Amino acid sequence: MLIVKIHEARGKRVAAVCDSELIGKRFTQDNLQLDLSSRFYAGEEMREESFESIMDGFDVINMVGERAIAVAIKHGLIKEQDVIRISGIPHAQVLNLDPIR
């Protein structure tokens, strides 16, 4: 399962997505940090298939965790080389730069 939080402001939609077992945790490595304890990630539990059905409607998707990243790779939103790891936890962001929607 994934935890998905949808943020909307000024006509933009941002999804914060993380694997459910990571919510509430914090990971640090050198000067990098993933803070999954913040309200930014505190959303609703959702199956991967459910998120797949809505993922095209976002301006930014911030993803953390093996399952979240796998969904984005499966749909061609990112490639493996786009993923960074912080304390072994994969993280990537997708920006939709398409001006026509």
N, C-alpha and C. Protein backbone atom coordinates (compact mmCIF):
# COMPACT_ATOMS: atom_id res chain seq x y z
N MET A 1 0.83 -1.18 0.00
CA MET A 1 0.00 0.00 0.00
C MET A 1 0.88 1.25 0.00
N LEU A 2 0.28 2.32 -0.51
CA LEU A 2 0.94 3.62 -0.55
C LEU A 2 0.17 4.59 0.33
N ILE A 3 0.86 5.60 0.83
CA ILE A 3 0.21 6.72 1.49
C ILE A 3 0.30 7.88 0.50
N VAL A 4 -0.84 8.47 0.16
CA VAL A 4 -0.89 9.53 -0.83
C VAL A 4 -1.54 10.77 -0.22
N LYS A 5 -0.84 11.87 -0.29
CA LYS A 5 -1.37 13.17 0.17
C LYS A 5 -1.39 14.08 -1.04
N ILE A 6 -2.55 14.66 -1.32
CA ILE A 6 -2.70 15.55 -2.46
C ILE A 6 -2.77 16.98 -1.94
N HIS A 7 -1.90 17.81 -2.47
CA HIS A 7 -1.85 19.23 -2.12
C HIS A 7 -2.28 20.03 -3.35
N GLU A 8 -3.13 21.03 -3.15
CA GLU A 8 -3.55 21.90 -4.25
C GLU A 8 -3.41 23.35 -3.82
N ALA A 9 -2.75 24.13 -4.67
CA ALA A 9 -2.58 25.56 -4.40
C ALA A 9 -2.31 26.29 -5.71
N ARG A 10 -2.96 27.42 -5.87
CA ARG A 10 -2.76 28.27 -7.04
C ARG A 10 -2.86 27.51 -8.36
N GLY A 11 -3.82 26.61 -8.44
CA GLY A 11 -4.05 25.87 -9.66
C GLY A 11 -3.07 24.75 -9.93
N LYS A 12 -2.21 24.45 -9.00
CA LYS A 12 -1.22 23.37 -9.16
C LYS A 12 -1.57 22.23 -8.23
N ARG A 13 -1.28 21.01 -8.70
CA ARG A 13 -1.54 19.81 -7.89
C ARG A 13 -0.23 19.08 -7.64
N VAL A 14 0.03 18.79 -6.37
CA VAL A 14 1.24 18.08 -5.96
C VAL A 14 0.81 16.84 -5.20
N ALA A 15 1.42 15.70 -5.53
CA ALA A 15 1.16 14.46 -4.80
C ALA A 15 2.42 14.07 -4.04
N ALA A 16 2.25 13.80 -2.75
CA ALA A 16 3.32 13.24 -1.93
C ALA A 16 2.96 11.78 -1.72
N VAL A 17 3.84 10.88 -2.17
CA VAL A 17 3.54 9.45 -2.18
C VAL A 17 4.67 8.70 -1.50
N CYS A 18 4.33 7.83 -0.56
CA CYS A 18 5.37 7.00 0.04
C CYS A 18 4.80 5.63 0.38
N ASP A 19 5.67 4.66 0.47
CA ASP A 19 5.28 3.32 0.89
C ASP A 19 4.74 3.40 2.31
N SER A 20 3.67 2.69 2.58
CA SER A 20 2.96 2.84 3.86
C SER A 20 3.83 2.56 5.07
N GLU A 21 4.76 1.64 4.99
CA GLU A 21 5.58 1.32 6.16
C GLU A 21 6.62 2.38 6.48
N LEU A 22 6.79 3.35 5.58
CA LEU A 22 7.79 4.41 5.80
C LEU A 22 7.19 5.65 6.48
N ILE A 23 5.87 5.77 6.46
CA ILE A 23 5.23 6.98 7.00
C ILE A 23 5.60 7.15 8.47
N GLY A 24 5.91 8.39 8.84
CA GLY A 24 6.26 8.70 10.22
C GLY A 24 7.73 8.56 10.54
N LYS A 25 8.53 8.13 9.57
CA LYS A 25 9.96 7.91 9.81
C LYS A 25 10.79 9.04 9.21
N ARG A 26 12.02 9.11 9.66
CA ARG A 26 12.96 10.11 9.16
C ARG A 26 14.27 9.40 8.83
N PHE A 27 14.82 9.72 7.65
CA PHE A 27 16.06 9.11 7.20
C PHE A 27 17.06 10.21 6.86
N THR A 28 18.30 10.06 7.31
CA THR A 28 19.33 11.04 7.00
C THR A 28 20.57 10.33 6.49
N GLN A 29 21.26 11.02 5.61
CA GLN A 29 22.53 10.53 5.08
C GLN A 29 23.32 11.75 4.64
N ASP A 30 24.47 11.94 5.24
CA ASP A 30 25.28 13.13 4.98
C ASP A 30 24.41 14.38 5.18
N ASN A 31 24.28 15.21 4.16
CA ASN A 31 23.47 16.42 4.30
C ASN A 31 22.07 16.27 3.70
N LEU A 32 21.65 15.03 3.44
CA LEU A 32 20.33 14.77 2.86
C LEU A 32 19.39 14.21 3.92
N GLN A 33 18.11 14.54 3.80
CA GLN A 33 17.12 14.06 4.76
C GLN A 33 15.79 13.80 4.08
N LEU A 34 15.17 12.69 4.43
CA LEU A 34 13.78 12.40 4.06
C LEU A 34 12.99 12.41 5.35
N ASP A 35 12.08 13.34 5.50
CA ASP A 35 11.28 13.45 6.71
C ASP A 35 9.85 13.06 6.37
N LEU A 36 9.51 11.82 6.63
CA LEU A 36 8.18 11.31 6.32
C LEU A 36 7.26 11.40 7.53
N SER A 37 7.70 12.15 8.53
CA SER A 37 6.87 12.37 9.71
C SER A 37 6.08 13.67 9.61
N SER A 38 6.37 14.46 8.59
CA SER A 38 5.69 15.75 8.44
C SER A 38 4.29 15.58 7.86
N ARG A 39 3.48 16.62 8.00
CA ARG A 39 2.12 16.60 7.45
C ARG A 39 2.13 16.53 5.93
N PHE A 40 3.23 16.88 5.31
CA PHE A 40 3.33 16.84 3.85
C PHE A 40 3.00 15.45 3.31
N TYR A 41 3.40 14.41 4.03
CA TYR A 41 3.17 13.03 3.58
C TYR A 41 1.96 12.38 4.25
N ALA A 42 1.37 13.00 5.25
CA ALA A 42 0.29 12.37 6.02
C ALA A 42 -1.00 12.38 5.22
N GLY A 43 -1.21 11.33 4.43
CA GLY A 43 -2.38 11.26 3.57
C GLY A 43 -3.19 10.02 3.80
N GLU A 44 -3.80 9.55 2.73
CA GLU A 44 -4.67 8.39 2.79
C GLU A 44 -3.99 7.17 2.20
N GLU A 45 -4.30 6.02 2.77
CA GLU A 45 -3.77 4.77 2.25
C GLU A 45 -4.45 4.45 0.93
N MET A 46 -3.66 3.99 -0.03
CA MET A 46 -4.18 3.75 -1.38
C MET A 46 -3.41 2.59 -2.00
N ARG A 47 -4.11 1.76 -2.71
CA ARG A 47 -3.44 0.68 -3.46
C ARG A 47 -2.67 1.28 -4.64
N GLU A 48 -1.61 0.60 -5.04
CA GLU A 48 -0.81 1.08 -6.16
C GLU A 48 -1.67 1.30 -7.40
N GLU A 49 -2.60 0.38 -7.66
CA GLU A 49 -3.45 0.48 -8.85
C GLU A 49 -4.33 1.73 -8.80
N SER A 50 -4.79 2.08 -7.62
CA SER A 50 -5.62 3.28 -7.49
C SER A 50 -4.82 4.53 -7.78
N PHE A 51 -3.58 4.58 -7.29
CA PHE A 51 -2.75 5.74 -7.57
C PHE A 51 -2.41 5.81 -9.06
N GLU A 52 -2.16 4.66 -9.68
CA GLU A 52 -1.85 4.63 -11.11
C GLU A 52 -2.97 5.29 -11.92
N SER A 53 -4.20 5.13 -11.48
CA SER A 53 -5.33 5.66 -12.25
C SER A 53 -5.45 7.18 -12.15
N ILE A 54 -4.81 7.83 -11.18
CA ILE A 54 -4.91 9.28 -11.04
C ILE A 54 -3.58 10.00 -11.23
N MET A 55 -2.50 9.29 -11.45
CA MET A 55 -1.16 9.90 -11.41
C MET A 55 -0.88 10.89 -12.53
N ASP A 56 -1.62 10.87 -13.60
CA ASP A 56 -1.35 11.80 -14.70
C ASP A 56 -1.83 13.22 -14.43
N GLY A 57 -2.61 13.43 -13.38
CA GLY A 57 -3.20 14.73 -13.14
C GLY A 57 -2.43 15.64 -12.21
N PHE A 58 -1.13 15.41 -12.04
CA PHE A 58 -0.35 16.20 -11.09
C PHE A 58 0.74 17.01 -11.77
N ASP A 59 1.04 18.15 -11.20
CA ASP A 59 2.14 18.97 -11.68
C ASP A 59 3.47 18.48 -11.12
N VAL A 60 3.43 17.97 -9.89
CA VAL A 60 4.62 17.42 -9.24
C VAL A 60 4.20 16.18 -8.47
N ILE A 61 5.03 15.14 -8.56
CA ILE A 61 4.84 13.95 -7.72
C ILE A 61 6.15 13.72 -6.98
N ASN A 62 6.08 13.71 -5.67
CA ASN A 62 7.23 13.48 -4.81
C ASN A 62 7.07 12.06 -4.26
N MET A 63 8.00 11.15 -4.61
CA MET A 63 7.83 9.73 -4.29
C MET A 63 8.97 9.21 -3.43
N VAL A 64 8.60 8.36 -2.46
CA VAL A 64 9.57 7.74 -1.57
C VAL A 64 9.18 6.28 -1.36
N GLY A 65 10.14 5.39 -1.52
CA GLY A 65 9.91 3.98 -1.24
C GLY A 65 9.95 3.12 -2.50
N GLU A 66 10.22 1.85 -2.29
CA GLU A 66 10.37 0.92 -3.40
C GLU A 66 9.10 0.81 -4.25
N ARG A 67 7.94 0.67 -3.62
CA ARG A 67 6.70 0.51 -4.38
C ARG A 67 6.31 1.79 -5.11
N ALA A 68 6.45 2.93 -4.44
CA ALA A 68 6.12 4.21 -5.09
C ALA A 68 6.99 4.43 -6.32
N ILE A 69 8.28 4.16 -6.18
CA ILE A 69 9.21 4.33 -7.29
C ILE A 69 8.90 3.34 -8.41
N ALA A 70 8.56 2.10 -8.06
CA ALA A 70 8.24 1.08 -9.06
C ALA A 70 7.05 1.49 -9.92
N VAL A 71 6.05 2.12 -9.31
CA VAL A 71 4.87 2.59 -10.06
C VAL A 71 5.31 3.64 -11.09
N ALA A 72 6.14 4.59 -10.67
CA ALA A 72 6.58 5.65 -11.58
C ALA A 72 7.44 5.09 -12.72
N ILE A 73 8.30 4.13 -12.42
CA ILE A 73 9.13 3.52 -13.46
C ILE A 73 8.25 2.73 -14.43
N LYS A 74 7.31 1.97 -13.89
CA LYS A 74 6.39 1.17 -14.72
C LYS A 74 5.66 2.04 -15.73
N HIS A 75 5.29 3.26 -15.34
CA HIS A 75 4.53 4.15 -16.22
C HIS A 75 5.41 5.11 -17.00
N GLY A 76 6.73 4.92 -16.94
CA GLY A 76 7.63 5.73 -17.74
C GLY A 76 7.79 7.16 -17.26
N LEU A 77 7.41 7.46 -16.03
CA LEU A 77 7.57 8.82 -15.51
C LEU A 77 9.01 9.11 -15.12
N ILE A 78 9.72 8.09 -14.68
CA ILE A 78 11.13 8.23 -14.33
C ILE A 78 11.87 6.98 -14.79
N LYS A 79 13.19 7.06 -14.77
CA LYS A 79 14.06 5.92 -15.04
C LYS A 79 14.85 5.64 -13.77
N GLU A 80 15.39 4.47 -13.67
CA GLU A 80 16.15 4.09 -12.47
C GLU A 80 17.25 5.10 -12.16
N GLN A 81 17.89 5.66 -13.19
CA GLN A 81 18.97 6.63 -12.95
C GLN A 81 18.46 7.97 -12.39
N ASP A 82 17.14 8.19 -12.38
CA ASP A 82 16.56 9.40 -11.81
C ASP A 82 16.36 9.30 -10.30
N VAL A 83 16.58 8.12 -9.74
CA VAL A 83 16.29 7.85 -8.34
C VAL A 83 17.54 8.05 -7.50
N ILE A 84 17.38 8.77 -6.39
CA ILE A 84 18.47 8.86 -5.42
C ILE A 84 18.09 7.99 -4.22
N ARG A 85 19.06 7.61 -3.44
CA ARG A 85 18.82 6.82 -2.24
C ARG A 85 19.40 7.55 -1.05
N ILE A 86 18.57 7.68 -0.03
CA ILE A 86 18.99 8.30 1.21
C ILE A 86 18.84 7.23 2.29
N SER A 87 19.95 6.83 2.86
CA SER A 87 19.96 5.72 3.82
C SER A 87 19.30 4.49 3.22
N GLY A 88 19.50 4.27 1.92
CA GLY A 88 18.96 3.10 1.23
C GLY A 88 17.53 3.24 0.77
N ILE A 89 16.87 4.34 1.11
CA ILE A 89 15.46 4.54 0.75
C ILE A 89 15.39 5.32 -0.57
N PRO A 90 14.73 4.77 -1.61
CA PRO A 90 14.67 5.46 -2.89
C PRO A 90 13.72 6.67 -2.86
N HIS A 91 14.14 7.71 -3.57
CA HIS A 91 13.36 8.96 -3.64
C HIS A 91 13.51 9.55 -5.03
N ALA A 92 12.42 10.07 -5.57
CA ALA A 92 12.45 10.77 -6.86
C ALA A 92 11.31 11.77 -6.92
N GLN A 93 11.47 12.73 -7.81
CA GLN A 93 10.41 13.70 -8.07
C GLN A 93 10.12 13.73 -9.55
N VAL A 94 8.84 13.87 -9.87
CA VAL A 94 8.41 14.00 -11.26
C VAL A 94 7.81 15.40 -11.40
N LEU A 95 8.28 16.14 -12.39
CA LEU A 95 7.74 17.45 -12.69
C LEU A 95 7.06 17.37 -14.05
N ASN A 96 5.80 17.79 -14.12
CA ASN A 96 5.09 17.83 -15.38
C ASN A 96 5.26 19.22 -15.95
N LEU A 97 6.06 19.32 -16.97
CA LEU A 97 6.36 20.62 -17.57
C LEU A 97 5.50 20.89 -18.81
N ASP A 98 4.54 20.01 -19.07
CA ASP A 98 3.66 20.16 -20.23
C ASP A 98 2.72 21.36 -20.00
N PRO A 99 2.86 22.42 -20.79
CA PRO A 99 2.04 23.62 -20.56
C PRO A 99 0.59 23.45 -20.98
N ILE A 100 0.28 22.43 -21.76
CA ILE A 100 -1.09 22.25 -22.26
C ILE A 100 -1.70 21.04 -21.56
N ARG A 101 -2.76 21.33 -20.75
CA ARG A 101 -3.45 20.22 -20.09
C ARG A 101 -4.92 20.52 -20.03
